[in-house]
PDB file of N, CA and C in Angstrom:
ATOM      1  N   UNK A   1     -17.451  20.424  10.422  1.00  0.00           N
ATOM      2  CA  UNK A   1     -18.212  21.272  10.334  1.00  0.00           C
ATOM      3  C   UNK A   1     -19.339  20.895  11.328  1.00  0.00           C
ATOM      4  N   UNK A   2     -20.034  20.145  11.454  1.00  0.00           N
ATOM      5  CA  UNK A   2     -20.758  19.719  12.083  1.00  0.00           C
ATOM      6  C   UNK A   2     -20.733  20.135  13.898  1.00  0.00           C
ATOM      7  N   UNK A   3     -19.302  19.601  13.685  1.00  0.00           N
ATOM      8  CA  UNK A   3     -19.145  19.504  15.647  1.00  0.00           C
ATOM      9  C   UNK A   3     -18.574  21.034  15.455  1.00  0.00           C
ATOM     10  N   UNK A   4     -18.363  21.700  15.306  1.00  0.00           N
ATOM     11  CA  UNK A   4     -18.391  22.878  15.747  1.00  0.00           C
ATOM     12  C   UNK A   4     -19.216  23.908  15.872  1.00  0.00           C
ATOM     13  N   UNK A   5     -19.675  23.457  14.481  1.00  0.00           N
ATOM     14  CA  UNK A   5     -20.909  24.770  14.347  1.00  0.00           C
ATOM     15  C   UNK A   5     -22.599  24.411  14.576  1.00  0.00           C
ATOM     16  N   UNK A   6     -22.525  23.194  15.267  1.00  0.00           N
ATOM     17  CA  UNK A   6     -23.941  22.892  15.386  1.00  0.00           C
ATOM     18  C   UNK A   6     -24.015  23.465  17.070  1.00  0.00           C
ATOM     19  N   UNK A   7     -23.077  24.021  17.692  1.00  0.00           N
ATOM     20  CA  UNK A   7     -23.234  24.497  19.294  1.00  0.00           C
ATOM     21  C   UNK A   7     -23.602  26.565  18.973  1.00  0.00           C
ATOM     22  N   UNK A   8     -23.037  26.977  17.620  1.00  0.00           N
ATOM     23  CA  UNK A   8     -23.218  27.706  17.402  1.00  0.00           C
ATOM     24  C   UNK A   8     -23.753  28.126  16.897  1.00  0.00           C
ATOM     25  N   UNK A   9     -25.291  28.231  16.549  1.00  0.00           N
ATOM     26  CA  UNK A   9     -26.007  28.821  15.856  1.00  0.00           C
ATOM     27  C   UNK A   9     -26.703  30.304  16.263  1.00  0.00           C
ATOM     28  N   UNK A  10     -25.414  31.451  16.484  1.00  0.00           N
ATOM     29  CA  UNK A  10     -25.473  32.148  16.490  1.00  0.00           C
ATOM     30  C   UNK A  10     -24.261  32.376  15.054  1.00  0.00           C
ATOM     31  N   UNK A  11     -24.026  32.156  14.940  1.00  0.00           N
ATOM     32  CA  UNK A  11     -22.575  31.538  13.697  1.00  0.00           C
ATOM     33  C   UNK A  11     -23.466  31.687  12.737  1.00  0.00           C
ATOM     34  N   UNK A  12     -23.914  30.531  12.551  1.00  0.00           N
ATOM     35  CA  UNK A  12     -24.303  29.470  11.614  1.00  0.00           C
ATOM     36  C   UNK A  12     -25.194  29.323  10.928  1.00  0.00           C
ATOM     37  N   UNK A  13     -25.824  29.303   9.873  1.00  0.00           N
ATOM     38  CA  UNK A  13     -27.263  29.213   9.241  1.00  0.00           C
ATOM     39  C   UNK A  13     -27.346  27.362   9.207  1.00  0.00           C
ATOM     40  N   UNK A  14     -26.234  26.881   8.885  1.00  0.00           N
ATOM     41  CA  UNK A  14     -26.600  25.523   8.819  1.00  0.00           C
ATOM     42  C   UNK A  14     -25.001  25.220   8.947  1.00  0.00           C
ATOM     43  N   UNK A  15     -24.815  23.522   8.780  1.00  0.00           N
ATOM     44  CA  UNK A  15     -23.638  23.114   8.787  1.00  0.00           C
ATOM     45  C   UNK A  15     -24.465  21.683   8.362  1.00  0.00           C
ATOM     46  N   UNK A  16     -22.817  21.320   6.763  1.00  0.00           N
ATOM     47  CA  UNK A  16     -23.242  20.601   6.477  1.00  0.00           C
ATOM     48  C   UNK A  16     -22.100  20.050   6.498  1.00  0.00           C
ATOM     49  N   UNK A  17     -22.666  18.211   5.974  1.00  0.00           N
ATOM     50  CA  UNK A  17     -21.760  16.991   5.888  1.00  0.00           C
ATOM     51  C   UNK A  17     -21.562  15.960   5.766  1.00  0.00           C
ATOM     52  N   UNK A  18     -21.120  15.757   4.367  1.00  0.00           N
ATOM     53  CA  UNK A  18     -20.993  14.926   3.394  1.00  0.00           C
ATOM     54  C   UNK A  18     -20.637  14.005   3.800  1.00  0.00           C
ATOM     55  N   UNK A  19     -19.458  13.537   4.693  1.00  0.00           N
ATOM     56  CA  UNK A  19     -18.589  12.330   4.074  1.00  0.00           C
ATOM     57  C   UNK A  19     -18.374  12.762   6.403  1.00  0.00           C
ATOM     58  N   UNK A  20     -20.003  12.038   6.805  1.00  0.00           N
ATOM     59  CA  UNK A  20     -19.756  12.562   8.890  1.00  0.00           C
ATOM     60  C   UNK A  20     -18.178  11.118   9.385  1.00  0.00           C
ATOM     61  N   UNK A  21     -17.884  12.149  10.120  1.00  0.00           N
ATOM     62  CA  UNK A  21     -16.779  11.017  11.002  1.00  0.00           C
ATOM     63  C   UNK A  21     -17.432  10.437  12.081  1.00  0.00           C
ATOM     64  N   UNK A  22     -18.225   9.871  12.367  1.00  0.00           N
ATOM     65  CA  UNK A  22     -19.636   9.452  13.555  1.00  0.00           C
ATOM     66  C   UNK A  22     -20.095  10.553  13.966  1.00  0.00           C
ATOM     67  N   UNK A  23     -20.629   9.734  14.852  1.00  0.00           N
ATOM     68  CA  UNK A  23     -21.350  10.446  15.792  1.00  0.00           C
ATOM     69  C   UNK A  23     -20.341  11.326  17.527  1.00  0.00           C
ATOM     70  N   UNK A  24     -19.527  10.115  17.741  1.00  0.00           N
ATOM     71  CA  UNK A  24     -18.667  10.489  18.647  1.00  0.00           C
ATOM     72  C   UNK A  24     -18.898  12.079  19.460  1.00  0.00           C
ATOM     73  N   UNK A  25     -18.228  12.626  18.564  1.00  0.00           N
ATOM     74  CA  UNK A  25     -17.928  13.526  19.099  1.00  0.00           C
ATOM     75  C   UNK A  25     -19.339  15.223  19.408  1.00  0.00           C
ATOM     76  N   UNK A  26     -19.883  14.843  18.114  1.00  0.00           N
ATOM     77  CA  UNK A  26     -20.926  15.555  17.938  1.00  0.00           C
ATOM     78  C   UNK A  26     -21.988  15.510  19.286  1.00  0.00           C
ATOM     79  N   UNK A  27     -21.822  13.917  19.968  1.00  0.00           N
ATOM     80  CA  UNK A  27     -22.899  13.727  21.009  1.00  0.00           C
ATOM     81  C   UNK A  27     -22.611  14.252  21.999  1.00  0.00           C
ATOM     82  N   UNK A  28     -21.228  14.324  22.225  1.00  0.00           N
ATOM     83  CA  UNK A  28     -20.660  15.088  23.953  1.00  0.00           C
ATOM     84  C   UNK A  28     -20.974  16.236  23.555  1.00  0.00           C
ATOM     85  N   UNK A  29     -20.950  16.889  22.333  1.00  0.00           N
ATOM     86  CA  UNK A  29     -20.794  18.623  22.397  1.00  0.00           C
ATOM     87  C   UNK A  29     -22.879  18.465  22.119  1.00  0.00           C
ATOM     88  N   UNK A  30     -23.950  18.224  21.768  1.00  0.00           N
ATOM     89  CA  UNK A  30     -24.976  18.304  21.808  1.00  0.00           C
ATOM     90  C   UNK A  30     -25.425  17.516  23.159  1.00  0.00           C
ATOM     91  N   UNK A  31     -25.448  16.018  22.724  1.00  0.00           N
ATOM     92  CA  UNK A  31     -27.022  15.148  23.665  1.00  0.00           C
ATOM     93  C   UNK A  31     -26.858  15.728  25.033  1.00  0.00           C
ATOM     94  N   UNK A  32     -27.450  16.173  25.441  1.00  0.00           N
ATOM     95  CA  UNK A  32     -27.899  16.150  26.948  1.00  0.00           C
ATOM     96  C   UNK A  32     -27.961  17.300  27.148  1.00  0.00           C
ATOM     97  N   UNK A  33     -27.403  18.589  26.179  1.00  0.00           N
ATOM     98  CA  UNK A  33     -27.305  19.776  26.167  1.00  0.00           C
ATOM     99  C   UNK A  33     -28.021  20.927  26.402  1.00  0.00           C
ATOM    100  N   UNK A  34     -28.382  22.144  26.394  1.00  0.00           N
ATOM    101  CA  UNK A  34     -29.305  22.441  25.793  1.00  0.00           C
ATOM    102  C   UNK A  34     -28.394  23.707  24.895  1.00  0.00           C
ATOM    103  N   UNK A  35     -29.273  23.483  23.681  1.00  0.00           N
ATOM    104  CA  UNK A  35     -28.752  24.228  22.832  1.00  0.00           C
ATOM    105  C   UNK A  35     -29.308  25.239  22.350  1.00  0.00           C
ATOM    106  N   UNK A  36     -29.126  26.095  23.103  1.00  0.00           N
ATOM    107  CA  UNK A  36     -30.524  26.886  22.935  1.00  0.00           C
ATOM    108  C   UNK A  36     -31.060  27.151  20.684  1.00  0.00           C
ATOM    109  N   UNK A  37     -30.029  27.722  20.282  1.00  0.00           N
ATOM    110  CA  UNK A  37     -30.609  28.198  18.830  1.00  0.00           C
ATOM    111  C   UNK A  37     -29.745  27.302  17.928  1.00  0.00           C
ATOM    112  N   UNK A  38     -29.417  25.581  17.136  1.00  0.00           N
ATOM    113  CA  UNK A  38     -28.587  25.552  16.643  1.00  0.00           C
ATOM    114  C   UNK A  38     -29.170  25.354  14.885  1.00  0.00           C
ATOM    115  N   UNK A  39     -28.105  25.402  14.265  1.00  0.00           N
ATOM    116  CA  UNK A  39     -28.174  25.804  12.695  1.00  0.00           C
ATOM    117  C   UNK A  39     -28.458  24.606  12.098  1.00  0.00           C
ATOM    118  N   UNK A  40     -29.013  24.483  11.121  1.00  0.00           N
ATOM    119  CA  UNK A  40     -29.632  23.243  10.782  1.00  0.00           C
ATOM    120  C   UNK A  40     -28.440  22.661  10.093  1.00  0.00           C
ATOM    121  N   UNK A  41     -28.537  21.180  10.215  1.00  0.00           N
ATOM    122  CA  UNK A  41     -27.874  20.266  10.124  1.00  0.00           C
ATOM    123  C   UNK A  41     -28.040  19.096   8.670  1.00  0.00           C
ATOM    124  N   UNK A  42     -27.362  19.865   7.395  1.00  0.00           N
ATOM    125  CA  UNK A  42     -27.147  19.093   6.045  1.00  0.00           C
ATOM    126  C   UNK A  42     -26.668  17.903   6.132  1.00  0.00           C
ATOM    127  N   UNK A  43     -26.816  16.142   6.161  1.00  0.00           N
ATOM    128  CA  UNK A  43     -26.340  15.686   6.334  1.00  0.00           C
ATOM    129  C   UNK A  43     -26.349  14.748   5.272  1.00  0.00           C
ATOM    130  N   UNK A  44     -25.700  13.946   4.579  1.00  0.00           N
ATOM    131  CA  UNK A  44     -25.111  13.170   3.441  1.00  0.00           C
ATOM    132  C   UNK A  44     -24.376  12.034   4.070  1.00  0.00           C
ATOM    133  N   UNK A  45     -25.497  10.408   4.932  1.00  0.00           N
ATOM    134  CA  UNK A  45     -24.603   9.825   4.837  1.00  0.00           C
ATOM    135  C   UNK A  45     -25.023   8.521   4.213  1.00  0.00           C
ATOM    136  N   UNK A  46     -24.660   6.844   4.190  1.00  0.00           N
ATOM    137  CA  UNK A  46     -24.460   5.835   3.630  1.00  0.00           C
ATOM    138  C   UNK A  46     -24.559   5.342   4.341  1.00  0.00           C
ATOM    139  N   UNK A  47     -25.448   3.609   4.854  1.00  0.00           N
ATOM    140  CA  UNK A  47     -24.936   2.528   4.936  1.00  0.00           C
ATOM    141  C   UNK A  47     -23.674   1.684   4.796  1.00  0.00           C
ATOM    142  N   UNK A  48     -23.463   1.735   3.507  1.00  0.00           N
ATOM    143  CA  UNK A  48     -22.049   1.417   3.307  1.00  0.00           C
ATOM    144  C   UNK A  48     -20.323   2.060   3.456  1.00  0.00           C
ATOM    145  N   UNK A  49     -21.301   3.433   4.851  1.00  0.00           N
ATOM    146  CA  UNK A  49     -19.557   3.645   4.692  1.00  0.00           C
ATOM    147  C   UNK A  49     -19.396   3.535   6.401  1.00  0.00           C
ATOM    148  N   UNK A  50     -18.343   3.172   6.423  1.00  0.00           N
ATOM    149  CA  UNK A  50     -17.707   2.962   8.497  1.00  0.00           C
ATOM    150  C   UNK A  50     -18.369   4.010   9.285  1.00  0.00           C
ATOM    151  N   UNK A  51     -18.270   4.932   8.381  1.00  0.00           N
ATOM    152  CA  UNK A  51     -17.688   6.310   9.328  1.00  0.00           C
ATOM    153  C   UNK A  51     -19.830   6.629   9.812  1.00  0.00           C
ATOM    154  N   UNK A  52     -20.882   6.539   9.423  1.00  0.00           N
ATOM    155  CA  UNK A  52     -21.916   7.321   9.302  1.00  0.00           C
ATOM    156  C   UNK A  52     -22.519   6.367  10.589  1.00  0.00           C
ATOM    157  N   UNK A  53     -21.950   5.568  11.145  1.00  0.00           N
ATOM    158  CA  UNK A  53     -22.235   4.789  12.355  1.00  0.00           C
ATOM    159  C   UNK A  53     -23.172   6.111  13.314  1.00  0.00           C
ATOM    160  N   UNK A  54     -23.963   5.192  13.952  1.00  0.00           N
ATOM    161  CA  UNK A  54     -24.965   5.913  14.796  1.00  0.00           C
ATOM    162  C   UNK A  54     -25.298   6.514  14.526  1.00  0.00           C
ATOM    163  N   UNK A  55     -26.450   6.764  13.051  1.00  0.00           N
ATOM    164  CA  UNK A  55     -27.155   7.873  12.466  1.00  0.00           C
ATOM    165  C   UNK A  55     -28.517   8.318  13.232  1.00  0.00           C
ATOM    166  N   UNK A  56     -28.873   6.172  13.206  1.00  0.00           N
ATOM    167  CA  UNK A  56     -29.701   6.299  13.918  1.00  0.00           C
ATOM    168  C   UNK A  56     -30.015   6.983  15.010  1.00  0.00           C
ATOM    169  N   UNK A  57     -29.131   7.561  15.874  1.00  0.00           N
ATOM    170  CA  UNK A  57     -29.042   7.692  17.007  1.00  0.00           C
ATOM    171  C   UNK A  57     -28.685   8.808  17.050  1.00  0.00           C
ATOM    172  N   UNK A  58     -28.566   9.732  15.816  1.00  0.00           N
ATOM    173  CA  UNK A  58     -28.551  11.223  15.823  1.00  0.00           C
ATOM    174  C   UNK A  58     -29.977  11.360  15.625  1.00  0.00           C
ATOM    175  N   UNK A  59     -30.598  10.640  14.454  1.00  0.00           N
ATOM    176  CA  UNK A  59     -31.780  11.383  13.707  1.00  0.00           C
ATOM    177  C   UNK A  59     -33.079  11.037  15.276  1.00  0.00           C
ATOM    178  N   UNK A  60     -32.476   9.992  16.316  1.00  0.00           N
ATOM    179  CA  UNK A  60     -33.428   9.615  17.350  1.00  0.00           C
ATOM    180  C   UNK A  60     -33.373  11.608  18.027  1.00  0.00           C
ATOM    181  N   UNK A  61     -32.320  11.556  18.301  1.00  0.00           N
ATOM    182  CA  UNK A  61     -31.425  12.678  19.199  1.00  0.00           C
ATOM    183  C   UNK A  61     -31.738  14.296  18.631  1.00  0.00           C
ATOM    184  N   UNK A  62     -32.211  14.694  17.785  1.00  0.00           N
ATOM    185  CA  UNK A  62     -32.419  15.161  17.067  1.00  0.00           C
ATOM    186  C   UNK A  62     -34.300  15.226  17.115  1.00  0.00           C
ATOM    187  N   UNK A  63     -34.738  14.121  16.292  1.00  0.00           N
ATOM    188  CA  UNK A  63     -36.326  14.268  16.605  1.00  0.00           C
ATOM    189  C   UNK A  63     -36.720  14.177  17.683  1.00  0.00           C
ATOM    190  N   UNK A  64     -35.661  14.353  19.061  1.00  0.00           N
ATOM    191  CA  UNK A  64     -36.274  14.076  20.435  1.00  0.00           C
ATOM    192  C   UNK A  64     -35.921  15.808  20.956  1.00  0.00           C
ATOM    193  N   UNK A  65     -34.900  16.001  20.496  1.00  0.00           N
ATOM    194  CA  UNK A  65     -35.413  18.008  20.949  1.00  0.00           C
ATOM    195  C   UNK A  65     -35.438  18.991  19.621  1.00  0.00           C
ATOM    196  N   UNK A  66     -36.213  18.128  18.542  1.00  0.00           N
ATOM    197  CA  UNK A  66     -36.640  19.608  17.496  1.00  0.00           C
ATOM    198  C   UNK A  66     -35.351  19.688  16.556  1.00  0.00           C
ATOM    199  N   UNK A  67     -34.113  19.024  16.786  1.00  0.00           N
ATOM    200  CA  UNK A  67     -33.528  20.554  16.098  1.00  0.00           C
ATOM    201  C   UNK A  67     -34.036  20.165  14.391  1.00  0.00           C
ATOM    202  N   UNK A  68     -33.288  21.126  14.032  1.00  0.00           N
ATOM    203  CA  UNK A  68     -34.026  20.974  12.487  1.00  0.00           C
ATOM    204  C   UNK A  68     -32.155  20.026  11.133  1.00  0.00           C
ATOM    205  N   UNK A  69     -32.986  19.712  10.791  1.00  0.00           N
ATOM    206  CA  UNK A  69     -32.592  18.510   9.777  1.00  0.00           C
ATOM    207  C   UNK A  69     -32.827  18.276   8.747  1.00  0.00           C
ATOM    208  N   UNK A  70     -31.469  18.104   7.948  1.00  0.00           N
ATOM    209  CA  UNK A  70     -32.078  17.705   6.200  1.00  0.00           C
ATOM    210  C   UNK A  70     -30.921  16.438   6.178  1.00  0.00           C
ATOM    211  N   UNK A  71     -31.714  14.906   5.996  1.00  0.00           N
ATOM    212  CA  UNK A  71     -30.919  14.103   5.952  1.00  0.00           C
ATOM    213  C   UNK A  71     -31.126  13.022   4.535  1.00  0.00           C
ATOM    214  N   UNK A  72     -30.031  13.035   4.184  1.00  0.00           N
ATOM    215  CA  UNK A  72     -30.291  11.866   3.158  1.00  0.00           C
ATOM    216  C   UNK A  72     -29.296  11.236   2.983  1.00  0.00           C
ATOM    217  N   UNK A  73     -30.042   9.645   2.755  1.00  0.00           N
ATOM    218  CA  UNK A  73     -29.601   8.224   3.186  1.00  0.00           C
ATOM    219  C   UNK A  73     -29.549   7.612   2.043  1.00  0.00           C
ATOM    220  N   UNK A  74     -28.129   6.737   1.631  1.00  0.00           N
ATOM    221  CA  UNK A  74     -28.388   6.549   0.675  1.00  0.00           C
ATOM    222  C   UNK A  74     -26.838   5.573   0.135  1.00  0.00           C
ATOM    223  N   UNK A  75     -26.447   3.556  -0.544  1.00  0.00           N
ATOM    224  CA  UNK A  75     -25.553   3.564  -0.698  1.00  0.00           C
ATOM    225  C   UNK A  75     -24.502   4.089  -1.381  1.00  0.00           C
ATOM    226  N   UNK A  76     -23.823   5.184  -1.155  1.00  0.00           N
ATOM    227  CA  UNK A  76     -23.065   6.284  -2.033  1.00  0.00           C
ATOM    228  C   UNK A  76     -21.746   5.994  -1.406  1.00  0.00           C
ATOM    229  N   UNK A  77     -21.784   5.198  -0.194  1.00  0.00           N
ATOM    230  CA  UNK A  77     -20.458   5.207   0.153  1.00  0.00           C
ATOM    231  C   UNK A  77     -19.337   6.360   0.940  1.00  0.00           C
ATOM    232  N   UNK A  78     -17.528   5.951   0.842  1.00  0.00           N
ATOM    233  CA  UNK A  78     -17.176   7.721   1.211  1.00  0.00           C
ATOM    234  C   UNK A  78     -16.895   8.645   0.898  1.00  0.00           C
ATOM    235  N   UNK A  79     -17.616   9.024   0.235  1.00  0.00           N
ATOM    236  CA  UNK A  79     -17.317  10.074  -1.302  1.00  0.00           C
ATOM    237  C   UNK A  79     -18.323  11.521  -1.111  1.00  0.00           C
ATOM    238  N   UNK A  80     -16.708  12.725  -0.685  1.00  0.00           N
ATOM    239  CA  UNK A  80     -17.341  14.130  -0.748  1.00  0.00           C
ATOM    240  C   UNK A  80     -18.826  15.067  -1.919  1.00  0.00           C
ATOM    241  N   UNK A  81     -18.123  14.028  -2.287  1.00  0.00           N
ATOM    242  CA  UNK A  81     -19.949  14.586  -3.626  1.00  0.00           C
ATOM    243  C   UNK A  81     -20.932  14.098  -2.968  1.00  0.00           C
ATOM    244  N   UNK A  82     -21.545  14.653  -3.410  1.00  0.00           N
ATOM    245  CA  UNK A  82     -23.427  14.612  -3.002  1.00  0.00           C
ATOM    246  C   UNK A  82     -23.856  14.388  -4.422  1.00  0.00           C
ATOM    247  N   UNK A  83     -23.358  14.523  -4.931  1.00  0.00           N
ATOM    248  CA  UNK A  83     -24.551  14.180  -6.487  1.00  0.00           C
ATOM    249  C   UNK A  83     -25.439  13.013  -6.725  1.00  0.00           C
ATOM    250  N   UNK A  84     -24.907  12.171  -5.831  1.00  0.00           N
ATOM    251  CA  UNK A  84     -26.174  10.267  -6.078  1.00  0.00           C
ATOM    252  C   UNK A  84     -27.076  10.659  -4.830  1.00  0.00           C
ATOM    253  N   UNK A  85     -27.222  11.765  -3.901  1.00  0.00           N
ATOM    254  CA  UNK A  85     -27.884  11.696  -3.401  1.00  0.00           C
ATOM    255  C   UNK A  85     -29.531  12.836  -3.764  1.00  0.00           C
ATOM    256  N   UNK A  86     -29.771  12.724  -3.243  1.00  0.00           N
ATOM    257  CA  UNK A  86     -31.847  12.933  -3.446  1.00  0.00           C
ATOM    258  C   UNK A  86     -31.667  13.944  -3.367  1.00  0.00           C
ATOM    259  N   UNK A  87     -31.847  15.379  -4.741  1.00  0.00           N
ATOM    260  CA  UNK A  87     -32.395  16.583  -5.612  1.00  0.00           C
ATOM    261  C   UNK A  87     -32.847  17.078  -4.366  1.00  0.00           C
ATOM    262  N   UNK A  88     -33.526  16.972  -3.267  1.00  0.00           N
ATOM    263  CA  UNK A  88     -34.638  17.494  -2.387  1.00  0.00           C
ATOM    264  C   UNK A  88     -33.219  17.970  -1.896  1.00  0.00           C
ATOM    265  N   UNK A  89     -32.403  17.049  -1.353  1.00  0.00           N
ATOM    266  CA  UNK A  89     -31.220  17.696   0.139  1.00  0.00           C
ATOM    267  C   UNK A  89     -30.256  18.458  -0.009  1.00  0.00           C
ATOM    268  N   UNK A  90     -30.046  17.720  -1.754  1.00  0.00           N
ATOM    269  CA  UNK A  90     -28.678  18.383  -2.277  1.00  0.00           C
ATOM    270  C   UNK A  90     -29.633  20.566  -2.620  1.00  0.00           C
ATOM    271  N   UNK A  91     -30.867  20.754  -2.972  1.00  0.00           N
ATOM    272  CA  UNK A  91     -31.281  21.704  -3.278  1.00  0.00           C
ATOM    273  C   UNK A  91     -30.830  22.734  -1.508  1.00  0.00           C
ATOM    274  N   UNK A  92     -31.411  22.152  -1.044  1.00  0.00           N
ATOM    275  CA  UNK A  92     -31.318  22.598   0.838  1.00  0.00           C
ATOM    276  C   UNK A  92     -30.788  24.119   0.091  1.00  0.00           C
ATOM    277  N   UNK A  93     -31.189  25.570   0.865  1.00  0.00           N
ATOM    278  CA  UNK A  93     -30.341  26.858   0.272  1.00  0.00           C
ATOM    279  C   UNK A  93     -29.220  26.741   1.456  1.00  0.00           C
TER     280      UNK A  93
END
């Protein structure tokens, strides 16, 4: 969803990724390109999930571009459930 929805703020209000698949595709679609109205990215990632590699680069890019982001990071592995993450990130409307 994040890869598809992030360039389509005119269609999607938010993109939620509970188990990201690295950032390479998202990077190719967003980094260094103009994205006039990106949706909020809600990202649940884990340092003990190899597919979460590159999150530091994602954070830096979103900070630089001032893209909206709800980011929750915790040692929860590769799970499709977000129940162990911070409640504030789970409560995002």
